[in-house]
Amino acid sequence: MTRVAAIDCGTNSVRLLVADLGDLGDLSDPADGGSGGLVDVHREMRIVRLGQGVDATGSFAPEAIERTRVALLAYAGTIADTGAERVRMVATSATRDAANRADFFAMVRDVLGVDAEVVTGDTEARLSFAGAVGELDPAQGPFLVVDLGGGSTELVLGDGDQEGHGVRAAFSADIGCVRLTERALPGDPPSAEQVATAERVAGEVLAAALEAVPVEQARTWVGVAGTFTTLAALAAGLPAYDSSAIHLARTPLERLHEVCDDVVGMTRAQRAELGPMHAGRVDVIGAGAVITRVLAREVAARAGITELVVSEHDILDGIALSLR
């Protein structure tokens, strides 16, 4: 077993996984569907909103870089305390877009002693797939894994064949809950006109992904990241967020639409009162619900799928697996 540390730095949050990684043979490219062999040591998530304003200004806000630096300082301490031998940090959508990303890279190098890697949307999608399908029965495939982040949404279709050849198609759409909130949903609560605009924008951006990825081949829809896990917790009526109850939970699409409709129409104060709601998602979960509604309609129409499976394992697990 090798102890590894994976960091996923997205538009909204930065997350750490320290895990023991077993040797399962030639699965050196888990982004193509390898899975298994991870034993969690420590998981942590902090909302830093690194992508604050990037869609409008094209640059990271200094305060967003500082929030991320504080989080990474804490993670560096955890990595040292747990004795991780290998570290990989992947930076995704917001970093691809920021003009001042060199400042961000310098900060990461200073804090962690390793470079942040800016991965392509395609690689991001494949890493998410690798993390998401490891515990699912391959007979339930092909799987459509959707990673709904703050700045982008990745769709990847593949098989859980454990042989490293599972991915059939992948696409990263330039829309996420933070980006869509800033573009179209400033209201509290958003007006009907704002919601309609958000639906149109999300549909237009996702159209390219739905053309590139043959969704009709999927038998199981798997959602990863905070929007999906929060919506699943709300659909289940949980009084507080419980990852063990949410991991691999199945939500009928009819129920999913009901929850999305409720969340979109709420004020931020009302969302904050929901037991499973993380404070850092209160202002952007409405946009996440809009994107989810668009996807749910398309998945049902194209593939006849009637439920969403939510996985707590995602790109973070894929990053850790890549350290084998």
Foldseek 3Di string as FASTA:
>chain_A
DAWEKEWEAEQFKIKIWTWQADPPDPQLQLLLQAEDRTDTDDIDMDTLNQLVCCLPPQAGDPSSLVSVLVVLLVVLVVCVVVVHDYYAYEYEDSLVRHPVNVVSQVSCCVRNVDGYHYDDLQSQLSLFNSFFCRPPDQVQWQEWEWEAGQFKIKTWTFTNPNPSNTTDFIDIFGHHLNSLCVVQQVDQLRDPVSLVVLLVVLLVRCVVVCVGHQLQRTRAYEYEDDLVQLLQCVLVVPQARDQVVQAFDKAFVVSSLVSLVVLSRHGLVVQVNRHHDDNSCSSRSNSVSSSVNSVSVVSCVRHVHGIYTYHHTGSRSSRVSSVD
